Amino acid sequence: QEAAQLDPNLPEPHAALADIYISKGKNAEALAAANQYLKLRPEDQ
């Protein structure tokens, strides 16, 4: 989360957060993180 705040254009933290949130059952947070990753890196579906 800190990395994502320091550089909002860095995609990797959002992908990692998506995996962590889904594993914890935080589905809304996981979906938001996944959407943000796809927004920053749409070529890596």
ModelCIF file with pLDDT and N, C-alpha, C, O atoms, coordinates in Angstrom:
data_MODEL
#
_entry.id   MODEL 
#
_entity.id                         1 
_entity.type                       polymer 
_entity.pdbx_number_of_molecules   1 
#
_entity_poly.entity_id                      1 
_entity_poly.type                           'polypeptide(L)' 
_entity_poly.nstd_linkage                   no 
_entity_poly.nstd_monomer                   no 
_entity_poly.pdbx_seq_one_letter_code       QEAAQLDPNLPEPHAALADIYISKGKNAEALAAANQYLKLRPEDQ 
_entity_poly.pdbx_seq_one_letter_code_can   QEAAQLDPNLPEPHAALADIYISKGKNAEALAAANQYLKLRPEDQ 
_entity_poly.pdbx_strand_id                 A 
#
loop_
_entity_poly_seq.entity_id 
_entity_poly_seq.num 
_entity_poly_seq.mon_id 
_entity_poly_seq.hetero 
1 1  GLN n 
1 2  GLU n 
1 3  ALA n 
1 4  ALA n 
1 5  GLN n 
1 6  LEU n 
1 7  ASP n 
1 8  PRO n 
1 9  ASN n 
1 10 LEU n 
1 11 PRO n 
1 12 GLU n 
1 13 PRO n 
1 14 HIS n 
1 15 ALA n 
1 16 ALA n 
1 17 LEU n 
1 18 ALA n 
1 19 ASP n 
1 20 ILE n 
1 21 TYR n 
1 22 ILE n 
1 23 SER n 
1 24 LYS n 
1 25 GLY n 
1 26 LYS n 
1 27 ASN n 
1 28 ALA n 
1 29 GLU n 
1 30 ALA n 
1 31 LEU n 
1 32 ALA n 
1 33 ALA n 
1 34 ALA n 
1 35 ASN n 
1 36 GLN n 
1 37 TYR n 
1 38 LEU n 
1 39 LYS n 
1 40 LEU n 
1 41 ARG n 
1 42 PRO n 
1 43 GLU n 
1 44 ASP n 
1 45 GLN n 
#
_struct_asym.id          A 
_struct_asym.entity_id   1 
#
loop_
_ma_qa_metric.id 
_ma_qa_metric.mode 
_ma_qa_metric.name 
_ma_qa_metric.software_group_id 
_ma_qa_metric.type 
1 global pLDDT . pLDDT 
2 local  pLDDT . pLDDT 
#
_ma_qa_metric_global.metric_id      1 
_ma_qa_metric_global.metric_value   92.07 
_ma_qa_metric_global.model_id       1 
_ma_qa_metric_global.ordinal_id     1 
#
loop_
_ma_qa_metric_local.label_asym_id 
_ma_qa_metric_local.label_comp_id 
_ma_qa_metric_local.label_seq_id 
_ma_qa_metric_local.metric_id 
_ma_qa_metric_local.metric_value 
_ma_qa_metric_local.model_id 
_ma_qa_metric_local.ordinal_id 
A GLN 1  2 93.00 1 1  
A GLU 2  2 92.00 1 2  
A ALA 3  2 90.00 1 3  
A ALA 4  2 91.00 1 4  
A GLN 5  2 92.00 1 5  
A LEU 6  2 90.00 1 6  
A ASP 7  2 90.00 1 7  
A PRO 8  2 89.00 1 8  
A ASN 9  2 90.00 1 9  
A LEU 10 2 90.00 1 10 
A PRO 11 2 91.00 1 11 
A GLU 12 2 91.00 1 12 
A PRO 13 2 93.00 1 13 
A HIS 14 2 95.00 1 14 
A ALA 15 2 92.00 1 15 
A ALA 16 2 94.00 1 16 
A LEU 17 2 95.00 1 17 
A ALA 18 2 94.00 1 18 
A ASP 19 2 94.00 1 19 
A ILE 20 2 95.00 1 20 
A TYR 21 2 95.00 1 21 
A ILE 22 2 94.00 1 22 
A SER 23 2 94.00 1 23 
A LYS 24 2 93.00 1 24 
A GLY 25 2 94.00 1 25 
A LYS 26 2 95.00 1 26 
A ASN 27 2 94.00 1 27 
A ALA 28 2 95.00 1 28 
A GLU 29 2 95.00 1 29 
A ALA 30 2 94.00 1 30 
A LEU 31 2 94.00 1 31 
A ALA 32 2 95.00 1 32 
A ALA 33 2 94.00 1 33 
A ALA 34 2 93.00 1 34 
A ASN 35 2 93.00 1 35 
A GLN 36 2 94.00 1 36 
A TYR 37 2 93.00 1 37 
A LEU 38 2 91.00 1 38 
A LYS 39 2 92.00 1 39 
A LEU 40 2 93.00 1 40 
A ARG 41 2 91.00 1 41 
A PRO 42 2 88.00 1 42 
A GLU 43 2 86.00 1 43 
A ASP 44 2 84.00 1 44 
A GLN 45 2 78.00 1 45 
#
loop_
_atom_site.group_PDB 
_atom_site.id 
_atom_site.type_symbol 
_atom_site.label_atom_id 
_atom_site.label_alt_id 
_atom_site.label_comp_id 
_atom_site.label_asym_id 
_atom_site.label_entity_id 
_atom_site.label_seq_id 
_atom_site.pdbx_PDB_ins_code 
_atom_site.Cartn_x 
_atom_site.Cartn_y 
_atom_site.Cartn_z 
_atom_site.occupancy 
_atom_site.B_iso_or_equiv 
_atom_site.pdbx_formal_charge 
_atom_site.auth_seq_id 
_atom_site.auth_comp_id 
_atom_site.auth_asym_id 
_atom_site.auth_atom_id 
_atom_site.pdbx_PDB_model_num 
ATOM 1   N N  . GLN A 1 1  ? 0.834   -1.206  0.000   1.00 93.00 ? 1  GLN A N  1 
ATOM 2   C CA . GLN A 1 1  ? 0.000   0.000   0.000   1.00 93.00 ? 1  GLN A CA 1 
ATOM 3   C C  . GLN A 1 1  ? 0.867   1.254   0.000   1.00 93.00 ? 1  GLN A C  1 
ATOM 4   O O  . GLN A 1 1  ? 0.564   2.223   -0.696  1.00 93.00 ? 1  GLN A O  1 
ATOM 5   N N  . GLU A 1 2  ? 1.943   1.234   0.780   1.00 92.00 ? 2  GLU A N  1 
ATOM 6   C CA . GLU A 1 2  ? 2.866   2.376   0.817   1.00 92.00 ? 2  GLU A CA 1 
ATOM 7   C C  . GLU A 1 2  ? 3.487   2.616   -0.552  1.00 92.00 ? 2  GLU A C  1 
ATOM 8   O O  . GLU A 1 2  ? 3.589   3.757   -1.005  1.00 92.00 ? 2  GLU A O  1 
ATOM 9   N N  . ALA A 1 3  ? 3.899   1.541   -1.205  1.00 90.00 ? 3  ALA A N  1 
ATOM 10  C CA . ALA A 1 3  ? 4.503   1.665   -2.541  1.00 90.00 ? 3  ALA A CA 1 
ATOM 11  C C  . ALA A 1 3  ? 3.510   2.253   -3.527  1.00 90.00 ? 3  ALA A C  1 
ATOM 12  O O  . ALA A 1 3  ? 3.872   3.087   -4.357  1.00 90.00 ? 3  ALA A O  1 
ATOM 13  N N  . ALA A 1 4  ? 2.250   1.820   -3.439  1.00 91.00 ? 4  ALA A N  1 
ATOM 14  C CA . ALA A 1 4  ? 1.220   2.330   -4.351  1.00 91.00 ? 4  ALA A CA 1 
ATOM 15  C C  . ALA A 1 4  ? 0.958   3.817   -4.126  1.00 91.00 ? 4  ALA A C  1 
ATOM 16  O O  . ALA A 1 4  ? 0.671   4.549   -5.072  1.00 91.00 ? 4  ALA A O  1 
ATOM 17  N N  . GLN A 1 5  ? 1.057   4.260   -2.882  1.00 92.00 ? 5  GLN A N  1 
ATOM 18  C CA . GLN A 1 5  ? 0.850   5.679   -2.580  1.00 92.00 ? 5  GLN A CA 1 
ATOM 19  C C  . GLN A 1 5  ? 2.037   6.523   -3.035  1.00 92.00 ? 5  GLN A C  1 
ATOM 20  O O  . GLN A 1 5  ? 1.860   7.637   -3.529  1.00 92.00 ? 5  GLN A O  1 
ATOM 21  N N  . LEU A 1 6  ? 3.244   5.993   -2.869  1.00 90.00 ? 6  LEU A N  1 
ATOM 22  C CA . LEU A 1 6  ? 4.445   6.740   -3.262  1.00 90.00 ? 6  LEU A CA 1 
ATOM 23  C C  . LEU A 1 6  ? 4.534   6.929   -4.774  1.00 90.00 ? 6  LEU A C  1 
ATOM 24  O O  . LEU A 1 6  ? 4.984   7.968   -5.257  1.00 90.00 ? 6  LEU A O  1 
ATOM 25  N N  . ASP A 1 7  ? 4.107   5.927   -5.498  1.00 90.00 ? 7  ASP A N  1 
ATOM 26  C CA . ASP A 1 7  ? 4.116   6.022   -6.963  1.00 90.00 ? 7  ASP A CA 1 
ATOM 27  C C  . ASP A 1 7  ? 2.806   5.453   -7.501  1.00 90.00 ? 7  ASP A C  1 
ATOM 28  O O  . ASP A 1 7  ? 2.709   4.251   -7.749  1.00 90.00 ? 7  ASP A O  1 
ATOM 29  N N  . PRO A 1 8  ? 1.793   6.311   -7.683  1.00 89.00 ? 8  PRO A N  1 
ATOM 30  C CA . PRO A 1 8  ? 0.484   5.836   -8.144  1.00 89.00 ? 8  PRO A CA 1 
ATOM 31  C C  . PRO A 1 8  ? 0.523   5.180   -9.521  1.00 89.00 ? 8  PRO A C  1 
ATOM 32  O O  . PRO A 1 8  ? -0.426  4.496   -9.904  1.00 89.00 ? 8  PRO A O  1 
ATOM 33  N N  . ASN A 1 9  ? 1.611   5.379   -10.272 1.00 90.00 ? 9  ASN A N  1 
ATOM 34  C CA . ASN A 1 9  ? 1.705   4.804   -11.611 1.00 90.00 ? 9  ASN A CA 1 
ATOM 35  C C  . ASN A 1 9  ? 2.430   3.464   -11.636 1.00 90.00 ? 9  ASN A C  1 
ATOM 36  O O  . ASN A 1 9  ? 2.666   2.903   -12.705 1.00 90.00 ? 9  ASN A O  1 
ATOM 37  N N  . LEU A 1 10 ? 2.784   2.952   -10.463 1.00 90.00 ? 10 LEU A N  1 
ATOM 38  C CA . LEU A 1 10 ? 3.481   1.667   -10.393 1.00 90.00 ? 10 LEU A CA 1 
ATOM 39  C C  . LEU A 1 10 ? 2.440   0.548   -10.305 1.00 90.00 ? 10 LEU A C  1 
ATOM 40  O O  . LEU A 1 10 ? 1.717   0.474   -9.312  1.00 90.00 ? 10 LEU A O  1 
ATOM 41  N N  . PRO A 1 11 ? 2.341   -0.329  -11.319 1.00 91.00 ? 11 PRO A N  1 
ATOM 42  C CA . PRO A 1 11 ? 1.262   -1.327  -11.337 1.00 91.00 ? 11 PRO A CA 1 
ATOM 43  C C  . PRO A 1 11 ? 1.452   -2.473  -10.334 1.00 91.00 ? 11 PRO A C  1 
ATOM 44  O O  . PRO A 1 11 ? 0.480   -2.948  -9.746  1.00 91.00 ? 11 PRO A O  1 
ATOM 45  N N  . GLU A 1 12 ? 2.700   -2.919  -10.137 1.00 91.00 ? 12 GLU A N  1 
ATOM 46  C CA . GLU A 1 12 ? 2.962   -4.155  -9.401  1.00 91.00 ? 12 GLU A CA 1 
ATOM 47  C C  . GLU A 1 12 ? 2.343   -4.223  -8.006  1.00 91.00 ? 12 GLU A C  1 
ATOM 48  O O  . GLU A 1 12 ? 1.809   -5.270  -7.640  1.00 91.00 ? 12 GLU A O  1 
ATOM 49  N N  . PRO A 1 13 ? 2.392   -3.145  -7.208  1.00 93.00 ? 13 PRO A N  1 
ATOM 50  C CA . PRO A 1 13 ? 1.790   -3.249  -5.872  1.00 93.00 ? 13 PRO A CA 1 
ATOM 51  C C  . PRO A 1 13 ? 0.301   -3.588  -5.915  1.00 93.00 ? 13 PRO A C  1 
ATOM 52  O O  . PRO A 1 13 ? -0.199  -4.289  -5.035  1.00 93.00 ? 13 PRO A O  1 
ATOM 53  N N  . HIS A 1 14 ? -0.411  -3.096  -6.931  1.00 95.00 ? 14 HIS A N  1 
ATOM 54  C CA . HIS A 1 14 ? -1.850  -3.352  -7.022  1.00 95.00 ? 14 HIS A CA 1 
ATOM 55  C C  . HIS A 1 14 ? -2.117  -4.828  -7.317  1.00 95.00 ? 14 HIS A C  1 
ATOM 56  O O  . HIS A 1 14 ? -3.066  -5.406  -6.786  1.00 95.00 ? 14 HIS A O  1 
ATOM 57  N N  . ALA A 1 15 ? -1.289  -5.434  -8.156  1.00 92.00 ? 15 ALA A N  1 
ATOM 58  C CA . ALA A 1 15 ? -1.455  -6.859  -8.446  1.00 92.00 ? 15 ALA A CA 1 
ATOM 59  C C  . ALA A 1 15 ? -1.209  -7.691  -7.196  1.00 92.00 ? 15 ALA A C  1 
ATOM 60  O O  . ALA A 1 15 ? -1.944  -8.639  -6.920  1.00 92.00 ? 15 ALA A O  1 
ATOM 61  N N  . ALA A 1 16 ? -0.171  -7.334  -6.441  1.00 94.00 ? 16 ALA A N  1 
ATOM 62  C CA . ALA A 1 16 ? 0.136   -8.063  -5.213  1.00 94.00 ? 16 ALA A CA 1 
ATOM 63  C C  . ALA A 1 16 ? -0.985  -7.900  -4.195  1.00 94.00 ? 16 ALA A C  1 
ATOM 64  O O  . ALA A 1 16 ? -1.372  -8.860  -3.529  1.00 94.00 ? 16 ALA A O  1 
ATOM 65  N N  . LEU A 1 17 ? -1.498  -6.695  -4.081  1.00 95.00 ? 17 LEU A N  1 
ATOM 66  C CA . LEU A 1 17 ? -2.596  -6.451  -3.141  1.00 95.00 ? 17 LEU A CA 1 
ATOM 67  C C  . LEU A 1 17 ? -3.857  -7.210  -3.548  1.00 95.00 ? 17 LEU A C  1 
ATOM 68  O O  . LEU A 1 17 ? -4.594  -7.696  -2.691  1.00 95.00 ? 17 LEU A O  1 
ATOM 69  N N  . ALA A 1 18 ? -4.104  -7.311  -4.848  1.00 94.00 ? 18 ALA A N  1 
ATOM 70  C CA . ALA A 1 18 ? -5.268  -8.063  -5.321  1.00 94.00 ? 18 ALA A CA 1 
ATOM 71  C C  . ALA A 1 18 ? -5.187  -9.515  -4.843  1.00 94.00 ? 18 ALA A C  1 
ATOM 72  O O  . ALA A 1 18 ? -6.181  -10.072 -4.378  1.00 94.00 ? 18 ALA A O  1 
ATOM 73  N N  . ASP A 1 19 ? -4.006  -10.126 -4.956  1.00 94.00 ? 19 ASP A N  1 
ATOM 74  C CA . ASP A 1 19 ? -3.819  -11.514 -4.511  1.00 94.00 ? 19 ASP A CA 1 
ATOM 75  C C  . ASP A 1 19 ? -4.015  -11.649 -3.001  1.00 94.00 ? 19 ASP A C  1 
ATOM 76  O O  . ASP A 1 19 ? -4.656  -12.587 -2.527  1.00 94.00 ? 19 ASP A O  1 
ATOM 77  N N  . ILE A 1 20 ? -3.446  -10.685 -2.247  1.00 95.00 ? 20 ILE A N  1 
ATOM 78  C CA . ILE A 1 20 ? -3.559  -10.757 -0.786  1.00 95.00 ? 20 ILE A CA 1 
ATOM 79  C C  . ILE A 1 20 ? -5.010  -10.588 -0.349  1.00 95.00 ? 20 ILE A C  1 
ATOM 80  O O  . ILE A 1 20 ? -5.498  -11.333 0.501   1.00 95.00 ? 20 ILE A O  1 
ATOM 81  N N  . TYR A 1 21 ? -5.692  -9.614  -0.926  1.00 95.00 ? 21 TYR A N  1 
ATOM 82  C CA . TYR A 1 21 ? -7.081  -9.346  -0.519  1.00 95.00 ? 21 TYR A CA 1 
ATOM 83  C C  . TYR A 1 21 ? -8.001  -10.519 -0.840  1.00 95.00 ? 21 TYR A C  1 
ATOM 84  O O  . TYR A 1 21 ? -8.853  -10.877 -0.026  1.00 95.00 ? 21 TYR A O  1 
ATOM 85  N N  . ILE A 1 22 ? -7.839  -11.118 -2.011  1.00 94.00 ? 22 ILE A N  1 
ATOM 86  C CA . ILE A 1 22 ? -8.720  -12.234 -2.366  1.00 94.00 ? 22 ILE A CA 1 
ATOM 87  C C  . ILE A 1 22 ? -8.480  -13.414 -1.441  1.00 94.00 ? 22 ILE A C  1 
ATOM 88  O O  . ILE A 1 22 ? -9.410  -14.149 -1.112  1.00 94.00 ? 22 ILE A O  1 
ATOM 89  N N  . SER A 1 23 ? -7.218  -13.600 -1.016  1.00 94.00 ? 23 SER A N  1 
ATOM 90  C CA . SER A 1 23 ? -6.906  -14.706 -0.105  1.00 94.00 ? 23 SER A CA 1 
ATOM 91  C C  . SER A 1 23 ? -7.505  -14.480 1.272   1.00 94.00 ? 23 SER A C  1 
ATOM 92  O O  . SER A 1 23 ? -7.749  -15.440 2.003   1.00 94.00 ? 23 SER A O  1 
ATOM 93  N N  . LYS A 1 24 ? -7.744  -13.233 1.637   1.00 93.00 ? 24 LYS A N  1 
ATOM 94  C CA . LYS A 1 24 ? -8.327  -12.896 2.934   1.00 93.00 ? 24 LYS A CA 1 
ATOM 95  C C  . LYS A 1 24 ? -9.837  -12.698 2.860   1.00 93.00 ? 24 LYS A C  1 
ATOM 96  O O  . LYS A 1 24 ? -10.475 -12.353 3.855   1.00 93.00 ? 24 LYS A O  1 
ATOM 97  N N  . GLY A 1 25 ? -10.401 -12.916 1.680   1.00 94.00 ? 25 GLY A N  1 
ATOM 98  C CA . GLY A 1 25 ? -11.840 -12.753 1.540   1.00 94.00 ? 25 GLY A CA 1 
ATOM 99  C C  . GLY A 1 25 ? -12.294 -11.313 1.471   1.00 94.00 ? 25 GLY A C  1 
ATOM 100 O O  . GLY A 1 25 ? -13.481 -11.032 1.633   1.00 94.00 ? 25 GLY A O  1 
ATOM 101 N N  . LYS A 1 26 ? -11.357 -10.378 1.229   1.00 95.00 ? 26 LYS A N  1 
ATOM 102 C CA . LYS A 1 26 ? -11.704 -8.963  1.081   1.00 95.00 ? 26 LYS A CA 1 
ATOM 103 C C  . LYS A 1 26 ? -11.984 -8.700  -0.398  1.00 95.00 ? 26 LYS A C  1 
ATOM 104 O O  . LYS A 1 26 ? -11.158 -8.147  -1.125  1.00 95.00 ? 26 LYS A O  1 
ATOM 105 N N  . ASN A 1 27 ? -13.172 -9.116  -0.811  1.00 94.00 ? 27 ASN A N  1 
ATOM 106 C CA . ASN A 1 27 ? -13.474 -9.142  -2.237  1.00 94.00 ? 27 ASN A CA 1 
ATOM 107 C C  . ASN A 1 27 ? -13.565 -7.756  -2.860  1.00 94.00 ? 27 ASN A C  1 
ATOM 108 O O  . ASN A 1 27 ? -13.102 -7.556  -3.983  1.00 94.00 ? 27 ASN A O  1 
ATOM 109 N N  . ALA A 1 28 ? -14.154 -6.796  -2.152  1.00 95.00 ? 28 ALA A N  1 
ATOM 110 C CA . ALA A 1 28 ? -14.266 -5.439  -2.708  1.00 95.00 ? 28 ALA A CA 1 
ATOM 111 C C  . ALA A 1 28 ? -12.889 -4.830  -2.913  1.00 95.00 ? 28 ALA A C  1 
ATOM 112 O O  . ALA A 1 28 ? -12.625 -4.211  -3.944  1.00 95.00 ? 28 ALA A O  1 
ATOM 113 N N  . GLU A 1 29 ? -11.999 -5.006  -1.920  1.00 95.00 ? 29 GLU A N  1 
ATOM 114 C CA . GLU A 1 29 ? -10.649 -4.465  -2.036  1.00 95.00 ? 29 GLU A CA 1 
ATOM 115 C C  . GLU A 1 29 ? -9.873  -5.181  -3.138  1.00 95.00 ? 29 GLU A C  1 
ATOM 116 O O  . GLU A 1 29 ? -9.104  -4.558  -3.871  1.00 95.00 ? 29 GLU A O  1 
ATOM 117 N N  . ALA A 1 30 ? -10.081 -6.495  -3.251  1.00 94.00 ? 30 ALA A N  1 
ATOM 118 C CA . ALA A 1 30 ? -9.389  -7.263  -4.289  1.00 94.00 ? 30 ALA A CA 1 
ATOM 119 C C  . ALA A 1 30 ? -9.823  -6.804  -5.676  1.00 94.00 ? 30 ALA A C  1 
ATOM 120 O O  . ALA A 1 30 ? -8.991  -6.645  -6.569  1.00 94.00 ? 30 ALA A O  1 
ATOM 121 N N  . LEU A 1 31 ? -11.140 -6.588  -5.859  1.00 94.00 ? 31 LEU A N  1 
ATOM 122 C CA . LEU A 1 31 ? -11.639 -6.148  -7.162  1.00 94.00 ? 31 LEU A CA 1 
ATOM 123 C C  . LEU A 1 31 ? -11.093 -4.766  -7.509  1.00 94.00 ? 31 LEU A C  1 
ATOM 124 O O  . LEU A 1 31 ? -10.718 -4.516  -8.655  1.00 94.00 ? 31 LEU A O  1 
ATOM 125 N N  . ALA A 1 32 ? -11.046 -3.859  -6.515  1.00 95.00 ? 32 ALA A N  1 
ATOM 126 C CA . ALA A 1 32 ? -10.532 -2.505  -6.757  1.00 95.00 ? 32 ALA A CA 1 
ATOM 127 C C  . ALA A 1 32 ? -9.052  -2.553  -7.140  1.00 95.00 ? 32 ALA A C  1 
ATOM 128 O O  . ALA A 1 32 ? -8.622  -1.841  -8.047  1.00 95.00 ? 32 ALA A O  1 
ATOM 129 N N  . ALA A 1 33 ? -8.273  -3.391  -6.449  1.00 94.00 ? 33 ALA A N  1 
ATOM 130 C CA . ALA A 1 33 ? -6.842  -3.497  -6.753  1.00 94.00 ? 33 ALA A CA 1 
ATOM 131 C C  . ALA A 1 33 ? -6.626  -4.091  -8.142  1.00 94.00 ? 33 ALA A C  1 
ATOM 132 O O  . ALA A 1 33 ? -5.757  -3.637  -8.886  1.00 94.00 ? 33 ALA A O  1 
ATOM 133 N N  . ALA A 1 34 ? -7.416  -5.105  -8.489  1.00 93.00 ? 34 ALA A N  1 
ATOM 134 C CA . ALA A 1 34 ? -7.289  -5.713  -9.815  1.00 93.00 ? 34 ALA A CA 1 
ATOM 135 C C  . ALA A 1 34 ? -7.646  -4.721  -10.911 1.00 93.00 ? 34 ALA A C  1 
ATOM 136 O O  . ALA A 1 34 ? -6.963  -4.642  -11.932 1.00 93.00 ? 34 ALA A O  1 
ATOM 137 N N  . ASN A 1 35 ? -8.716  -3.964  -10.697 1.00 93.00 ? 35 ASN A N  1 
ATOM 138 C CA . ASN A 1 35 ? -9.121  -2.961  -11.689 1.00 93.00 ? 35 ASN A CA 1 
ATOM 139 C C  . ASN A 1 35 ? -8.044  -1.896  -11.874 1.00 93.00 ? 35 ASN A C  1 
ATOM 140 O O  . ASN A 1 35 ? -7.788  -1.451  -12.993 1.00 93.00 ? 35 ASN A O  1 
ATOM 141 N N  . GLN A 1 36 ? -7.415  -1.489  -10.770 1.00 94.00 ? 36 GLN A N  1 
ATOM 142 C CA . GLN A 1 36 ? -6.370  -0.469  -10.852 1.00 94.00 ? 36 GLN A CA 1 
ATOM 143 C C  . GLN A 1 36 ? -5.160  -1.001  -11.609 1.00 94.00 ? 36 GLN A C  1 
ATOM 144 O O  . GLN A 1 36 ? -4.539  -0.277  -12.387 1.00 94.00 ? 36 GLN A O  1 
ATOM 145 N N  . TYR A 1 37 ? -4.826  -2.274  -11.379 1.00 93.00 ? 37 TYR A N  1 
ATOM 146 C CA . TYR A 1 37 ? -3.702  -2.870  -12.107 1.00 93.00 ? 37 TYR A CA 1 
ATOM 147 C C  . TYR A 1 37 ? -3.996  -2.890  -13.603 1.00 93.00 ? 37 TYR A C  1 
ATOM 148 O O  . TYR A 1 37 ? -3.142  -2.528  -14.413 1.00 93.00 ? 37 TYR A O  1 
ATOM 149 N N  . LEU A 1 38 ? -5.212  -3.315  -13.972 1.00 91.00 ? 38 LEU A N  1 
ATOM 150 C CA . LEU A 1 38 ? -5.571  -3.381  -15.386 1.00 91.00 ? 38 LEU A CA 1 
ATOM 151 C C  . LEU A 1 38 ? -5.601  -1.998  -16.021 1.00 91.00 ? 38 LEU A C  1 
ATOM 152 O O  . LEU A 1 38 ? -5.314  -1.843  -17.208 1.00 91.00 ? 38 LEU A O  1 
ATOM 153 N N  . LYS A 1 39 ? -5.949  -1.000  -15.226 1.00 92.00 ? 39 LYS A N  1 
ATOM 154 C CA . LYS A 1 39 ? -5.938  0.374   -15.733 1.00 92.00 ? 39 LYS A CA 1 
ATOM 155 C C  . LYS A 1 39 ? -4.523  0.825   -16.057 1.00 92.00 ? 39 LYS A C  1 
ATOM 156 O O  . LYS A 1 39 ? -4.293  1.505   -17.057 1.00 92.00 ? 39 LYS A O  1 
ATOM 157 N N  . LEU A 1 40 ? -3.575  0.444   -15.206 1.00 93.00 ? 40 LEU A N  1 
ATOM 158 C CA . LEU A 1 40 ? -2.180  0.851   -15.395 1.00 93.00 ? 40 LEU A CA 1 
ATOM 159 C C  . LEU A 1 40 ? -1.455  -0.025  -16.405 1.00 93.00 ? 40 LEU A C  1 
ATOM 160 O O  . LEU A 1 40 ? -0.544  0.435   -17.093 1.00 93.00 ? 40 LEU A O  1 
ATOM 161 N N  . ARG A 1 41 ? -1.863  -1.300  -16.494 1.00 91.00 ? 41 ARG A N  1 
ATOM 162 C CA . ARG A 1 41 ? -1.186  -2.212  -17.409 1.00 91.00 ? 41 ARG A CA 1 
ATOM 163 C C  . ARG A 1 41 ? -2.224  -3.075  -18.138 1.00 91.00 ? 41 ARG A C  1 
ATOM 164 O O  . ARG A 1 41 ? -2.342  -4.269  -17.861 1.00 91.00 ? 41 ARG A O  1 
ATOM 165 N N  . PRO A 1 42 ? -2.961  -2.485  -19.048 1.00 88.00 ? 42 PRO A N  1 
ATOM 166 C CA . PRO A 1 42 ? -4.040  -3.213  -19.732 1.00 88.00 ? 42 PRO A CA 1 
ATOM 167 C C  . PRO A 1 42 ? -3.544  -4.338  -20.626 1.00 88.00 ? 42 PRO A C  1 
ATOM 168 O O  . PRO A 1 42 ? -4.310  -5.241  -20.961 1.00 88.00 ? 42 PRO A O  1 
ATOM 169 N N  . GLU A 1 43 ? -2.283  -4.299  -21.016 1.00 86.00 ? 43 GLU A N  1 
ATOM 170 C CA . GLU A 1 43 ? -1.766  -5.345  -21.911 1.00 86.00 ? 43 GLU A CA 1 
ATOM 171 C C  . GLU A 1 43 ? -1.496  -6.654  -21.170 1.00 86.00 ? 43 GLU A C  1 
ATOM 172 O O  . GLU A 1 43 ? -1.274  -7.687  -21.802 1.00 86.00 ? 43 GLU A O  1 
ATOM 173 N N  . ASP A 1 44 ? -1.513  -6.618  -19.827 1.00 84.00 ? 44 ASP A N  1 
ATOM 174 C CA . ASP A 1 44 ? -1.222  -7.818  -19.047 1.00 84.00 ? 44 ASP A CA 1 
ATOM 175 C C  . ASP A 1 44 ? -2.506  -8.299  -18.356 1.00 84.00 ? 44 ASP A C  1 
ATOM 176 O O  . ASP A 1 44 ? -2.609  -8.264  -17.130 1.00 84.00 ? 44 ASP A O  1 
ATOM 177 N N  . GLN A 1 45 ? -3.472  -8.742  -19.150 1.00 78.00 ? 45 GLN A N  1 
ATOM 178 C CA . GLN A 1 45 ? -4.770  -9.151  -18.623 1.00 78.00 ? 45 GLN A CA 1 
ATOM 179 C C  . GLN A 1 45 ? -4.664  -10.338 -17.664 1.00 78.00 ? 45 GLN A C  1 
ATOM 180 O O  . GLN A 1 45 ? -5.677  -10.798 -17.137 1.00 78.00 ? 45 GLN A O  1 
#
